[in-house]
Protein backbone atom coordinates (compact mmCIF):
# COMPACT_ATOMS: atom_id res chain seq x y z
CA UNK A 1 0.00 0.00 0.00
CA UNK A 2 2.80 2.44 0.87
CA UNK A 3 4.63 1.60 -2.35
CA UNK A 4 1.55 2.18 -4.48
CA UNK A 5 0.86 5.47 -2.69
CA UNK A 6 4.41 6.71 -3.29
CA UNK A 7 4.30 5.58 -6.93
CA UNK A 8 1.06 7.53 -7.33
CA UNK A 9 2.73 10.58 -5.76
CA UNK A 10 5.62 10.39 -8.24
CA UNK A 11 3.10 10.08 -11.09
CA UNK A 12 1.24 13.18 -9.85
CA UNK A 13 4.53 15.10 -9.64
CA UNK A 14 5.31 14.22 -13.25
CA UNK A 15 1.83 15.04 -14.50
CA UNK A 16 2.22 18.42 -12.77
CA UNK A 17 5.57 18.92 -14.51
CA UNK A 18 3.90 18.02 -17.82
CA UNK A 19 1.24 20.65 -17.20
CA UNK A 20 3.78 23.31 -16.27
CA UNK A 21 6.12 22.60 -19.18
CA UNK A 22 3.53 22.00 -21.90
CA UNK A 23 0.71 24.38 -20.98
CA UNK A 24 1.78 26.92 -18.37
CA UNK A 25 5.43 27.48 -19.32
CA UNK A 26 5.13 31.21 -19.97
CA UNK A 27 2.93 32.07 -16.98
CA UNK A 28 4.44 34.18 -14.20
CA UNK A 29 3.95 31.44 -11.59
CA UNK A 30 5.73 28.77 -13.63
CA UNK A 31 8.45 31.20 -14.68
CA UNK A 32 9.00 31.85 -10.98
CA UNK A 33 9.18 28.12 -10.20
CA UNK A 34 11.69 27.49 -12.99
CA UNK A 35 13.44 30.83 -12.46
CA UNK A 36 13.12 32.00 -16.05
CA UNK A 37 12.56 35.38 -17.62
CA UNK A 38 9.67 36.11 -20.00
CA UNK A 39 12.09 36.22 -22.95
CA UNK A 40 13.74 32.93 -22.01
CA UNK A 41 10.36 31.24 -21.49
CA UNK A 42 9.15 32.44 -24.89
CA UNK A 43 12.34 31.29 -26.60
CA UNK A 44 12.29 27.85 -24.97
CA UNK A 45 8.58 27.01 -24.95
CA UNK A 46 8.91 24.29 -27.61
CA UNK A 47 11.84 22.70 -25.78
CA UNK A 48 9.93 22.86 -22.49
CA UNK A 49 6.90 21.25 -24.12
CA UNK A 50 9.11 18.41 -25.35
CA UNK A 51 10.44 17.89 -21.82
CA UNK A 52 6.89 17.98 -20.52
CA UNK A 53 5.86 15.25 -22.92
CA UNK A 54 8.64 13.01 -21.61
CA UNK A 55 7.52 13.68 -18.04
CA UNK A 56 4.03 12.67 -19.09
CA UNK A 57 5.35 9.38 -20.45
CA UNK A 58 7.01 8.69 -17.09
CA UNK A 59 3.76 9.45 -15.27
CA UNK A 60 1.75 7.30 -17.68
CA UNK A 61 4.13 4.37 -17.13
CA UNK A 62 3.68 4.67 -13.38
CA UNK A 63 -0.11 4.80 -13.75
CA UNK A 64 0.02 1.70 -15.94
CA UNK A 65 2.09 -0.06 -13.26
CA UNK A 66 -0.54 0.88 -10.68
CA UNK A 67 -3.34 -0.43 -12.90
CA UNK A 68 -1.45 -3.70 -13.41
CA UNK A 69 -1.10 -4.01 -9.65
CA UNK A 70 1.39 -3.17 -6.90
CA UNK A 71 2.62 -5.33 -5.41
CA UNK A 72 2.13 -7.72 -8.27
CA UNK A 73 2.33 -7.68 -12.05
CA UNK A 74 3.07 -3.94 -12.29
CA UNK A 75 6.15 -4.13 -10.10
CA UNK A 76 8.70 -4.58 -12.89
CA UNK A 77 7.34 -1.62 -14.84
CA UNK A 78 7.19 0.53 -11.70
CA UNK A 79 10.80 -0.30 -10.82
CA UNK A 80 11.99 0.51 -14.35
CA UNK A 81 10.14 3.84 -14.55
CA UNK A 82 11.21 4.84 -11.03
CA UNK A 83 14.84 4.04 -11.92
CA UNK A 84 14.47 6.25 -15.02
CA UNK A 85 13.06 9.07 -12.88
CA UNK A 86 15.95 8.72 -10.42
CA UNK A 87 18.56 8.85 -13.20
CA UNK A 88 16.84 11.87 -14.79
CA UNK A 89 16.66 13.57 -11.39
CA UNK A 90 20.34 12.95 -10.68
CA UNK A 91 21.30 14.25 -14.11
CA UNK A 92 19.07 17.29 -13.70
CA UNK A 93 20.50 17.98 -10.25
CA UNK A 94 24.04 17.80 -11.62
CA UNK A 95 23.40 19.91 -14.72
CA UNK A 96 20.53 22.27 -13.88
CA UNK A 97 20.06 22.64 -10.15
CA UNK A 98 20.17 20.75 -6.87
CA UNK A 99 16.45 21.38 -6.28
CA UNK A 100 15.66 18.70 -8.89
CA UNK A 101 17.26 16.15 -6.59
CA UNK A 102 14.62 16.83 -3.94
CA UNK A 103 11.62 17.34 -6.21
CA UNK A 104 12.22 14.48 -8.63
CA UNK A 105 14.86 11.97 -7.54
CA UNK A 106 14.15 11.73 -3.80
CA UNK A 107 10.43 10.89 -4.09
CA UNK A 108 11.23 8.30 -6.78
CA UNK A 109 13.95 6.78 -4.59
CA UNK A 110 11.52 6.50 -1.67
CA UNK A 111 8.91 4.92 -3.94
CA UNK A 112 11.46 2.50 -5.36
CA UNK A 113 12.48 1.41 -1.87
CA UNK A 114 8.86 0.96 -0.82
CA UNK A 115 8.00 -1.08 -3.91
CA UNK A 116 11.04 -3.31 -3.34
CA UNK A 117 10.12 -3.75 0.33
CA UNK A 118 6.66 -5.02 -0.59
CA UNK A 119 7.96 -8.06 -2.49
C-alpha atoms as a PDB file:
ATOM      1  CA  UNK A   1       0.000   0.000   0.000  1.00  0.00           C
ATOM      2  CA  UNK A   2       2.805   2.437   0.869  1.00  0.00           C
ATOM      3  CA  UNK A   3       4.633   1.599  -2.349  1.00  0.00           C
ATOM      4  CA  UNK A   4       1.547   2.178  -4.478  1.00  0.00           C
ATOM      5  CA  UNK A   5       0.857   5.466  -2.693  1.00  0.00           C
ATOM      6  CA  UNK A   6       4.410   6.706  -3.291  1.00  0.00           C
ATOM      7  CA  UNK A   7       4.297   5.575  -6.932  1.00  0.00           C
ATOM      8  CA  UNK A   8       1.057   7.527  -7.325  1.00  0.00           C
ATOM      9  CA  UNK A   9       2.730  10.575  -5.759  1.00  0.00           C
ATOM     10  CA  UNK A  10       5.620  10.390  -8.239  1.00  0.00           C
ATOM     11  CA  UNK A  11       3.095  10.077 -11.091  1.00  0.00           C
ATOM     12  CA  UNK A  12       1.241  13.176  -9.852  1.00  0.00           C
ATOM     13  CA  UNK A  13       4.527  15.105  -9.640  1.00  0.00           C
ATOM     14  CA  UNK A  14       5.311  14.218 -13.249  1.00  0.00           C
ATOM     15  CA  UNK A  15       1.834  15.044 -14.502  1.00  0.00           C
ATOM     16  CA  UNK A  16       2.221  18.423 -12.771  1.00  0.00           C
ATOM     17  CA  UNK A  17       5.565  18.923 -14.509  1.00  0.00           C
ATOM     18  CA  UNK A  18       3.900  18.016 -17.820  1.00  0.00           C
ATOM     19  CA  UNK A  19       1.236  20.648 -17.202  1.00  0.00           C
ATOM     20  CA  UNK A  20       3.785  23.313 -16.267  1.00  0.00           C
ATOM     21  CA  UNK A  21       6.119  22.598 -19.182  1.00  0.00           C
ATOM     22  CA  UNK A  22       3.526  22.005 -21.903  1.00  0.00           C
ATOM     23  CA  UNK A  23       0.707  24.385 -20.977  1.00  0.00           C
ATOM     24  CA  UNK A  24       1.783  26.921 -18.367  1.00  0.00           C
ATOM     25  CA  UNK A  25       5.429  27.478 -19.317  1.00  0.00           C
ATOM     26  CA  UNK A  26       5.127  31.210 -19.973  1.00  0.00           C
ATOM     27  CA  UNK A  27       2.928  32.072 -16.982  1.00  0.00           C
ATOM     28  CA  UNK A  28       4.437  34.184 -14.199  1.00  0.00           C
ATOM     29  CA  UNK A  29       3.949  31.436 -11.586  1.00  0.00           C
ATOM     30  CA  UNK A  30       5.730  28.766 -13.629  1.00  0.00           C
ATOM     31  CA  UNK A  31       8.451  31.196 -14.679  1.00  0.00           C
ATOM     32  CA  UNK A  32       8.997  31.846 -10.976  1.00  0.00           C
ATOM     33  CA  UNK A  33       9.182  28.118 -10.197  1.00  0.00           C
ATOM     34  CA  UNK A  34      11.690  27.486 -12.988  1.00  0.00           C
ATOM     35  CA  UNK A  35      13.437  30.834 -12.456  1.00  0.00           C
ATOM     36  CA  UNK A  36      13.117  32.000 -16.047  1.00  0.00           C
ATOM     37  CA  UNK A  37      12.564  35.381 -17.623  1.00  0.00           C
ATOM     38  CA  UNK A  38       9.673  36.111 -19.997  1.00  0.00           C
ATOM     39  CA  UNK A  39      12.086  36.219 -22.951  1.00  0.00           C
ATOM     40  CA  UNK A  40      13.743  32.927 -22.011  1.00  0.00           C
ATOM     41  CA  UNK A  41      10.361  31.236 -21.489  1.00  0.00           C
ATOM     42  CA  UNK A  42       9.150  32.440 -24.894  1.00  0.00           C
ATOM     43  CA  UNK A  43      12.344  31.294 -26.601  1.00  0.00           C
ATOM     44  CA  UNK A  44      12.288  27.848 -24.971  1.00  0.00           C
ATOM     45  CA  UNK A  45       8.582  27.009 -24.946  1.00  0.00           C
ATOM     46  CA  UNK A  46       8.905  24.285 -27.612  1.00  0.00           C
ATOM     47  CA  UNK A  47      11.839  22.698 -25.779  1.00  0.00           C
ATOM     48  CA  UNK A  48       9.929  22.859 -22.494  1.00  0.00           C
ATOM     49  CA  UNK A  49       6.898  21.252 -24.116  1.00  0.00           C
ATOM     50  CA  UNK A  50       9.108  18.413 -25.353  1.00  0.00           C
ATOM     51  CA  UNK A  51      10.439  17.887 -21.824  1.00  0.00           C
ATOM     52  CA  UNK A  52       6.887  17.980 -20.522  1.00  0.00           C
ATOM     53  CA  UNK A  53       5.861  15.253 -22.915  1.00  0.00           C
ATOM     54  CA  UNK A  54       8.635  13.007 -21.610  1.00  0.00           C
ATOM     55  CA  UNK A  55       7.519  13.678 -18.036  1.00  0.00           C
ATOM     56  CA  UNK A  56       4.032  12.675 -19.093  1.00  0.00           C
ATOM     57  CA  UNK A  57       5.352   9.383 -20.453  1.00  0.00           C
ATOM     58  CA  UNK A  58       7.012   8.686 -17.094  1.00  0.00           C
ATOM     59  CA  UNK A  59       3.765   9.454 -15.267  1.00  0.00           C
ATOM     60  CA  UNK A  60       1.748   7.298 -17.677  1.00  0.00           C
ATOM     61  CA  UNK A  61       4.134   4.373 -17.125  1.00  0.00           C
ATOM     62  CA  UNK A  62       3.679   4.668 -13.379  1.00  0.00           C
ATOM     63  CA  UNK A  63      -0.114   4.803 -13.746  1.00  0.00           C
ATOM     64  CA  UNK A  64       0.023   1.704 -15.940  1.00  0.00           C
ATOM     65  CA  UNK A  65       2.086  -0.064 -13.258  1.00  0.00           C
ATOM     66  CA  UNK A  66      -0.539   0.884 -10.678  1.00  0.00           C
ATOM     67  CA  UNK A  67      -3.339  -0.432 -12.901  1.00  0.00           C
ATOM     68  CA  UNK A  68      -1.448  -3.704 -13.407  1.00  0.00           C
ATOM     69  CA  UNK A  69      -1.097  -4.006  -9.646  1.00  0.00           C
ATOM     70  CA  UNK A  70       1.393  -3.170  -6.895  1.00  0.00           C
ATOM     71  CA  UNK A  71       2.617  -5.329  -5.410  1.00  0.00           C
ATOM     72  CA  UNK A  72       2.129  -7.719  -8.268  1.00  0.00           C
ATOM     73  CA  UNK A  73       2.333  -7.680 -12.054  1.00  0.00           C
ATOM     74  CA  UNK A  74       3.072  -3.944 -12.286  1.00  0.00           C
ATOM     75  CA  UNK A  75       6.153  -4.134 -10.095  1.00  0.00           C
ATOM     76  CA  UNK A  76       8.701  -4.581 -12.893  1.00  0.00           C
ATOM     77  CA  UNK A  77       7.339  -1.624 -14.835  1.00  0.00           C
ATOM     78  CA  UNK A  78       7.186   0.534 -11.704  1.00  0.00           C
ATOM     79  CA  UNK A  79      10.804  -0.298 -10.825  1.00  0.00           C
ATOM     80  CA  UNK A  80      11.987   0.507 -14.348  1.00  0.00           C
ATOM     81  CA  UNK A  81      10.139   3.838 -14.553  1.00  0.00           C
ATOM     82  CA  UNK A  82      11.208   4.838 -11.030  1.00  0.00           C
ATOM     83  CA  UNK A  83      14.836   4.045 -11.918  1.00  0.00           C
ATOM     84  CA  UNK A  84      14.472   6.247 -15.022  1.00  0.00           C
ATOM     85  CA  UNK A  85      13.062   9.072 -12.879  1.00  0.00           C
ATOM     86  CA  UNK A  86      15.955   8.725 -10.419  1.00  0.00           C
ATOM     87  CA  UNK A  87      18.558   8.853 -13.197  1.00  0.00           C
ATOM     88  CA  UNK A  88      16.840  11.868 -14.786  1.00  0.00           C
ATOM     89  CA  UNK A  89      16.658  13.566 -11.392  1.00  0.00           C
ATOM     90  CA  UNK A  90      20.338  12.947 -10.680  1.00  0.00           C
ATOM     91  CA  UNK A  91      21.301  14.253 -14.107  1.00  0.00           C
ATOM     92  CA  UNK A  92      19.071  17.292 -13.703  1.00  0.00           C
ATOM     93  CA  UNK A  93      20.498  17.984 -10.252  1.00  0.00           C
ATOM     94  CA  UNK A  94      24.039  17.796 -11.619  1.00  0.00           C
ATOM     95  CA  UNK A  95      23.400  19.908 -14.716  1.00  0.00           C
ATOM     96  CA  UNK A  96      20.534  22.266 -13.882  1.00  0.00           C
ATOM     97  CA  UNK A  97      20.058  22.640 -10.150  1.00  0.00           C
ATOM     98  CA  UNK A  98      20.168  20.753  -6.871  1.00  0.00           C
ATOM     99  CA  UNK A  99      16.452  21.380  -6.285  1.00  0.00           C
ATOM    100  CA  UNK A 100      15.659  18.695  -8.891  1.00  0.00           C
ATOM    101  CA  UNK A 101      17.264  16.148  -6.586  1.00  0.00           C
ATOM    102  CA  UNK A 102      14.618  16.826  -3.938  1.00  0.00           C
ATOM    103  CA  UNK A 103      11.618  17.340  -6.214  1.00  0.00           C
ATOM    104  CA  UNK A 104      12.216  14.484  -8.634  1.00  0.00           C
ATOM    105  CA  UNK A 105      14.864  11.968  -7.538  1.00  0.00           C
ATOM    106  CA  UNK A 106      14.150  11.729  -3.798  1.00  0.00           C
ATOM    107  CA  UNK A 107      10.431  10.893  -4.087  1.00  0.00           C
ATOM    108  CA  UNK A 108      11.228   8.300  -6.779  1.00  0.00           C
ATOM    109  CA  UNK A 109      13.954   6.780  -4.594  1.00  0.00           C
ATOM    110  CA  UNK A 110      11.523   6.497  -1.666  1.00  0.00           C
ATOM    111  CA  UNK A 111       8.905   4.923  -3.944  1.00  0.00           C
ATOM    112  CA  UNK A 112      11.457   2.496  -5.364  1.00  0.00           C
ATOM    113  CA  UNK A 113      12.484   1.406  -1.873  1.00  0.00           C
ATOM    114  CA  UNK A 114       8.863   0.956  -0.819  1.00  0.00           C
ATOM    115  CA  UNK A 115       7.996  -1.077  -3.914  1.00  0.00           C
ATOM    116  CA  UNK A 116      11.037  -3.310  -3.343  1.00  0.00           C
ATOM    117  CA  UNK A 117      10.124  -3.755   0.328  1.00  0.00           C
ATOM    118  CA  UNK A 118       6.660  -5.021  -0.593  1.00  0.00           C
ATOM    119  CA  UNK A 119       7.960  -8.057  -2.489  1.00  0.00           C
END
